Amino acid sequence: MTTNTAQSEYTSIRVEHESPISWIVLNRPEKANALSNELLEEFSAALEWLRDHGQPVIAIRGEGKGFSAGYDLGQVAPDGAVDPIADRTRMKKNLDRYLAMWDHPKPIIAAVHGYCIAGATQIATLTDITIVAEDAKIGIVTIPVGAGYVSPVWSTLIGPKRAKEIAFVPGNSIDGITAVEWGWANHAVPAEELLDRVRSLAERIALTPSNLLTIKKVAINTAAEAMGIRQALATLADFDALAHTTTEVAGIKKRIANEGLKPVIESYRVPPTTDLSTGYRTDRRIKASQ
């Protein structure tokens, strides 16, 4: 495995090449790979460079204990008044970054382990293929300070009812096995085998010539867009920017300032709604843990 020397100036990601994959590695493990402005800028730059360089398949993974804990709240949820226009512009730019994966000429695989929360799920949703660890935690933030930005992206894969289930309950999440059952991911595999399974898939994909892969991807995307996927993503930043200006969100931020972040998180913490299913796949989970 080699790191692309042309991208050696990156500080929040790494780009690594091992035939037939070029990896984009989210590399802020000390911050749970939180999506800072710097990381997102580097992510976009790497995607653009890889259009004409690197290996025929791109894969994205996180360094350390998880894929990513989502947006860096120190940057995206500052104290004080919110400028709704700047807020909307920032979020629209992020959606455009992820749509750049959709529009990218190369197949892109997300390899999700550990945790994949909030904005990180937008990345994994809009890759071409997603492979998850069976025990991965995939969900939204615990404190309800946004609306209409993350979970609608899920709805393009899992439908409106399940997207609402995820969105309505603070901190709701699913595991890797459920992610496949819901249609959010392609495969759930043992965590220790995740990268090897991604490599195996990439080797099979790379047997198809790159130009044909591009045509196949565009053809499938065109069919999906005819069903409204791109249109569905067009106004999400508007809804979340509106949510950030509400008195309720201002009140939650005030609670955080007065009480501290951890106590406020605990006040919203409830079990994931997957425990509502009768006999909830117990046999499968016992088997997965063996």
Protein backbone atom coordinates (compact mmCIF):
# COMPACT_ATOMS: atom_id res chain seq x y z
CA MET A 1 0.00 0.00 0.00
CA THR A 2 1.33 3.42 -0.90
CA THR A 3 0.27 6.97 -0.12
CA ASN A 4 -0.05 9.33 -3.04
CA THR A 5 2.84 11.76 -2.66
CA ALA A 6 1.00 14.43 -4.66
CA GLN A 7 -1.53 14.56 -1.82
CA SER A 8 1.00 14.49 1.04
CA GLU A 9 -0.17 17.89 2.27
CA TYR A 10 -3.43 16.38 3.57
CA THR A 11 -3.81 16.58 7.33
CA SER A 12 -7.32 15.18 7.90
CA ILE A 13 -7.46 12.39 5.32
CA ARG A 14 -5.05 9.99 3.65
CA VAL A 15 -5.10 8.69 0.09
CA GLU A 16 -3.68 5.18 -0.27
CA HIS A 17 -3.38 2.96 -3.31
CA GLU A 18 -3.44 -0.82 -3.39
CA SER A 19 -4.50 -2.37 -6.67
CA PRO A 20 -7.34 -2.20 -7.58
CA ILE A 21 -8.42 0.28 -4.85
CA SER A 22 -7.57 3.87 -4.06
CA TRP A 23 -8.59 4.43 -0.45
CA ILE A 24 -9.76 7.74 0.98
CA VAL A 25 -9.14 7.36 4.71
CA LEU A 26 -10.89 9.75 7.10
CA ASN A 27 -7.98 10.42 9.42
CA ARG A 28 -9.00 12.30 12.57
CA PRO A 29 -9.23 9.32 14.95
CA GLU A 30 -8.58 11.51 17.99
CA LYS A 31 -11.78 13.41 17.05
CA ALA A 32 -13.78 10.31 16.04
CA ASN A 33 -13.14 11.31 12.40
CA ALA A 34 -15.53 14.23 12.84
CA LEU A 35 -16.23 15.98 9.54
CA SER A 36 -14.44 19.30 9.95
CA ASN A 37 -14.35 21.93 7.24
CA GLU A 38 -10.73 21.01 6.57
CA LEU A 39 -11.51 17.30 6.24
CA LEU A 40 -14.39 17.98 3.86
CA GLU A 41 -12.27 20.26 1.67
CA GLU A 42 -9.56 17.60 1.48
CA PHE A 43 -12.17 14.92 0.78
CA SER A 44 -13.47 16.91 -2.19
CA ALA A 45 -9.97 17.57 -3.48
CA ALA A 46 -9.10 13.86 -3.28
CA LEU A 47 -12.26 12.87 -5.13
CA GLU A 48 -11.49 15.32 -7.89
CA TRP A 49 -7.87 14.13 -8.22
CA LEU A 50 -8.99 10.49 -8.34
CA ARG A 51 -11.21 11.12 -11.36
CA ASP A 52 -8.13 10.80 -13.59
CA HIS A 53 -5.57 9.17 -11.28
CA GLY A 54 -5.21 6.20 -8.98
CA GLN A 55 -6.89 2.83 -9.14
CA PRO A 56 -10.12 1.90 -10.97
CA VAL A 57 -12.16 1.55 -7.75
CA ILE A 58 -12.37 4.04 -4.87
CA ALA A 59 -13.16 3.00 -1.30
CA ILE A 60 -13.72 5.15 1.78
CA ARG A 61 -13.01 4.09 5.36
CA GLY A 62 -12.34 5.66 8.73
CA GLU A 63 -9.15 5.44 10.79
CA GLY A 64 -9.44 4.18 14.35
CA LYS A 65 -12.54 2.98 16.17
CA GLY A 66 -15.18 4.05 13.67
CA PHE A 67 -16.06 5.44 10.27
CA SER A 68 -17.06 8.92 11.49
CA ALA A 69 -19.11 10.50 14.28
CA GLY A 70 -20.54 13.05 11.84
CA TYR A 71 -20.08 16.78 11.50
CA ASP A 72 -17.63 18.58 13.78
CA LEU A 73 -20.09 20.36 16.09
CA GLY A 74 -17.47 22.87 17.14
CA GLN A 75 -17.61 24.22 13.61
CA VAL A 76 -21.17 23.59 12.44
CA ALA A 77 -23.04 24.37 15.68
CA PRO A 78 -21.32 27.47 17.09
CA ASP A 79 -22.78 29.46 19.97
CA GLY A 80 -24.69 32.63 19.22
CA ALA A 81 -27.07 33.69 16.49
CA VAL A 82 -27.25 31.65 13.30
CA ASP A 83 -26.92 33.30 9.91
CA PRO A 84 -29.46 31.22 7.94
CA ILE A 85 -28.00 32.15 4.56
CA ALA A 86 -24.44 31.15 5.53
CA ASP A 87 -25.81 28.05 7.24
CA ARG A 88 -27.74 26.99 4.14
CA THR A 89 -24.74 27.69 1.90
CA ARG A 90 -22.50 25.50 4.07
CA MET A 91 -24.93 22.60 4.07
CA LYS A 92 -25.68 22.86 0.36
CA LYS A 93 -21.93 22.72 -0.29
CA ASN A 94 -21.69 19.51 1.73
CA LEU A 95 -24.52 17.89 -0.23
CA ASP A 96 -22.75 18.89 -3.44
CA ARG A 97 -19.59 17.17 -2.13
CA TYR A 98 -21.50 13.93 -1.67
CA LEU A 99 -23.27 14.22 -5.01
CA ALA A 100 -19.77 14.44 -6.51
CA MET A 101 -19.46 10.76 -5.49
CA TRP A 102 -22.73 10.01 -7.27
CA ASP A 103 -21.43 11.80 -10.38
CA HIS A 104 -17.90 10.40 -10.14
CA PRO A 105 -16.81 8.23 -13.10
CA LYS A 106 -15.40 5.51 -10.83
CA PRO A 107 -17.27 3.06 -8.58
CA ILE A 108 -17.08 4.14 -4.93
CA ILE A 109 -17.46 1.76 -1.98
CA ALA A 110 -17.99 2.78 1.65
CA ALA A 111 -16.45 0.45 4.26
CA VAL A 112 -18.23 1.22 7.55
CA HIS A 113 -17.05 -0.04 10.92
CA GLY A 114 -17.63 1.07 14.48
CA TYR A 115 -19.87 4.13 14.29
CA CYS A 116 -21.31 6.06 11.37
CA ILE A 117 -23.40 8.93 12.67
CA ALA A 118 -25.38 11.83 11.17
CA GLY A 119 -23.44 13.56 8.38
CA ALA A 120 -21.21 10.52 7.99
CA THR A 121 -24.27 8.52 6.95
CA GLN A 122 -24.78 10.96 4.09
CA ILE A 123 -21.39 9.95 2.72
CA ALA A 124 -22.10 6.23 3.03
CA THR A 125 -25.60 6.57 1.56
CA LEU A 126 -24.41 8.30 -1.60
CA THR A 127 -21.54 5.94 -2.38
CA ASP A 128 -22.31 3.33 -5.02
CA ILE A 129 -21.99 0.36 -2.68
CA THR A 130 -21.85 0.18 1.11
CA ILE A 131 -20.40 -2.70 3.11
CA VAL A 132 -20.77 -2.55 6.89
CA ALA A 133 -19.49 -4.42 9.90
CA GLU A 134 -22.26 -6.46 11.50
CA ASP A 135 -21.83 -4.62 14.80
CA ALA A 136 -21.58 -1.13 13.30
CA LYS A 137 -23.76 1.61 14.83
CA ILE A 138 -25.41 3.69 12.11
CA GLY A 139 -27.68 6.54 13.13
CA ILE A 140 -28.33 10.17 13.97
CA VAL A 141 -27.12 12.52 16.70
CA THR A 142 -28.64 12.24 20.16
CA ILE A 143 -29.40 15.93 20.66
CA PRO A 144 -32.18 17.10 18.30
CA VAL A 145 -30.70 20.32 16.94
CA GLY A 146 -31.41 19.75 13.23
CA ALA A 147 -34.17 18.58 10.95
CA GLY A 148 -34.63 17.60 7.34
CA TYR A 149 -30.95 17.28 6.37
CA VAL A 150 -29.60 13.82 7.19
CA SER A 151 -32.54 11.42 7.35
CA PRO A 152 -34.10 12.48 4.02
CA VAL A 153 -30.90 11.22 2.37
CA TRP A 154 -31.64 7.86 3.99
CA SER A 155 -35.14 7.89 2.49
CA THR A 156 -33.67 7.47 -0.98
CA LEU A 157 -32.63 3.95 0.08
CA ILE A 158 -34.94 2.85 2.88
CA GLY A 159 -38.17 4.71 2.09
CA PRO A 160 -40.07 7.36 4.05
CA LYS A 161 -41.44 5.22 6.89
CA ARG A 162 -38.08 3.93 8.06
CA ALA A 163 -36.45 7.33 7.48
CA LYS A 164 -39.09 8.85 9.76
CA GLU A 165 -38.47 6.18 12.38
CA ILE A 166 -34.78 7.05 12.38
CA ALA A 167 -35.43 10.81 12.37
CA PHE A 168 -38.18 11.16 14.96
CA VAL A 169 -36.35 9.49 17.89
CA PRO A 170 -33.23 11.27 19.25
CA GLY A 171 -30.07 9.25 18.73
CA ASN A 172 -31.87 6.45 16.93
CA SER A 173 -29.63 3.89 15.24
CA ILE A 174 -29.46 0.53 13.52
CA ASP A 175 -26.72 -2.08 13.39
CA GLY A 176 -25.04 -3.46 10.30
CA ILE A 177 -27.33 -6.45 9.90
CA THR A 178 -30.41 -4.23 10.10
CA ALA A 179 -28.83 -1.80 7.63
CA VAL A 180 -28.78 -4.58 5.05
CA GLU A 181 -32.33 -5.71 5.88
CA TRP A 182 -33.54 -2.13 5.41
CA GLY A 183 -31.68 -1.70 2.13
CA TRP A 184 -29.26 0.93 3.44
CA ALA A 185 -26.21 -1.30 2.89
CA ASN A 186 -25.31 -4.12 0.51
CA HIS A 187 -23.56 -6.54 2.89
CA ALA A 188 -22.92 -6.90 6.62
CA VAL A 189 -19.73 -8.79 7.49
CA PRO A 190 -17.65 -9.57 10.58
CA ALA A 191 -15.75 -6.41 11.54
CA GLU A 192 -12.36 -8.10 11.33
CA GLU A 193 -13.09 -9.15 7.74
CA LEU A 194 -14.50 -5.83 6.49
CA LEU A 195 -11.52 -4.53 4.54
CA ASP A 196 -10.73 -7.90 2.99
CA ARG A 197 -14.34 -8.24 1.83
CA VAL A 198 -14.17 -4.77 0.27
CA ARG A 199 -10.92 -5.71 -1.47
CA SER A 200 -12.54 -8.90 -2.78
CA LEU A 201 -15.47 -6.95 -4.20
CA ALA A 202 -13.17 -4.34 -5.77
CA GLU A 203 -11.12 -7.05 -7.48
CA ARG A 204 -14.28 -8.42 -9.10
CA ILE A 205 -15.50 -4.96 -10.12
CA ALA A 206 -12.13 -4.10 -11.67
CA LEU A 207 -12.47 -6.95 -14.17
CA THR A 208 -14.91 -4.72 -16.06
CA PRO A 209 -13.07 -2.07 -18.13
CA SER A 210 -13.18 1.41 -16.57
CA ASN A 211 -15.06 3.04 -19.43
CA LEU A 212 -17.75 0.40 -19.23
CA LEU A 213 -17.98 0.85 -15.46
CA THR A 214 -18.56 4.56 -16.00
CA ILE A 215 -21.31 3.90 -18.53
CA LYS A 216 -22.97 1.35 -16.27
CA LYS A 217 -22.87 3.78 -13.33
CA VAL A 218 -24.29 6.67 -15.33
CA ALA A 219 -27.05 4.48 -16.77
CA ILE A 220 -28.17 3.27 -13.33
CA ASN A 221 -27.93 6.77 -11.86
CA THR A 222 -30.03 8.10 -14.72
CA ALA A 223 -32.74 5.57 -13.93
CA ALA A 224 -32.61 6.49 -10.24
CA GLU A 225 -32.76 10.19 -11.02
CA ALA A 226 -35.84 9.60 -13.14
CA MET A 227 -37.43 8.41 -9.88
CA GLY A 228 -36.53 11.71 -8.21
CA ILE A 229 -33.40 11.07 -6.15
CA ARG A 230 -31.54 14.23 -7.12
CA GLN A 231 -34.69 16.33 -6.79
CA ALA A 232 -35.23 14.89 -3.31
CA LEU A 233 -31.82 16.17 -2.20
CA ALA A 234 -32.16 19.63 -3.73
CA THR A 235 -33.88 21.43 -0.83
CA LEU A 236 -32.57 19.60 2.25
CA ALA A 237 -30.23 22.44 3.24
CA ASP A 238 -33.21 24.81 3.27
CA PHE A 239 -35.11 22.71 5.81
CA ASP A 240 -32.16 22.32 8.17
CA ALA A 241 -31.23 25.99 7.97
CA LEU A 242 -34.82 26.76 8.97
CA ALA A 243 -34.62 24.32 11.90
CA HIS A 244 -31.45 25.97 13.18
CA THR A 245 -33.28 29.30 13.56
CA THR A 246 -36.10 27.96 15.74
CA THR A 247 -36.53 28.92 19.38
CA GLU A 248 -36.41 25.22 20.28
CA VAL A 249 -32.90 24.78 18.92
CA ALA A 250 -31.83 28.02 20.62
CA GLY A 251 -33.21 26.62 23.86
CA ILE A 252 -31.25 23.39 23.50
CA LYS A 253 -28.05 25.34 22.86
CA LYS A 254 -28.75 27.39 25.98
CA ARG A 255 -29.18 24.19 28.00
CA ILE A 256 -25.83 22.94 26.70
CA ALA A 257 -24.17 26.20 27.74
CA ASN A 258 -25.73 26.08 31.22
CA GLU A 259 -25.71 22.35 31.98
CA GLY A 260 -22.88 21.00 29.86
CA LEU A 261 -22.99 18.75 26.81
CA LYS A 262 -22.99 15.34 28.51
CA PRO A 263 -25.99 15.95 30.81
CA VAL A 264 -28.04 17.23 27.88
CA ILE A 265 -27.10 14.19 25.81
CA GLU A 266 -28.15 11.89 28.66
CA SER A 267 -31.53 13.61 28.92
CA TYR A 268 -32.30 12.54 25.34
CA ARG A 269 -30.76 9.07 25.41
CA VAL A 270 -33.24 6.25 24.75
CA PRO A 271 -32.88 2.73 23.29
CA PRO A 272 -32.87 2.38 19.48
CA THR A 273 -36.30 1.55 18.13
CA THR A 274 -35.10 -1.75 16.68
CA ASP A 275 -35.95 -3.30 20.07
CA LEU A 276 -39.64 -2.88 19.20
CA SER A 277 -39.59 -5.87 16.85
CA THR A 278 -40.95 -9.01 18.54
CA GLY A 279 -38.21 -11.61 18.95
CA TYR A 280 -35.86 -9.10 17.37
CA ARG A 281 -33.60 -11.28 15.22
CA THR A 282 -32.08 -12.79 18.36
CA ASP A 283 -30.89 -15.93 16.61
CA ARG A 284 -29.12 -13.94 13.91
CA ARG A 285 -27.34 -11.74 16.40
CA ILE A 286 -26.21 -14.68 18.51
CA LYS A 287 -24.84 -16.29 15.35
CA ALA A 288 -23.12 -13.05 14.30
CA SER A 289 -21.39 -12.76 17.67
CA GLN A 290 -20.02 -16.32 17.62
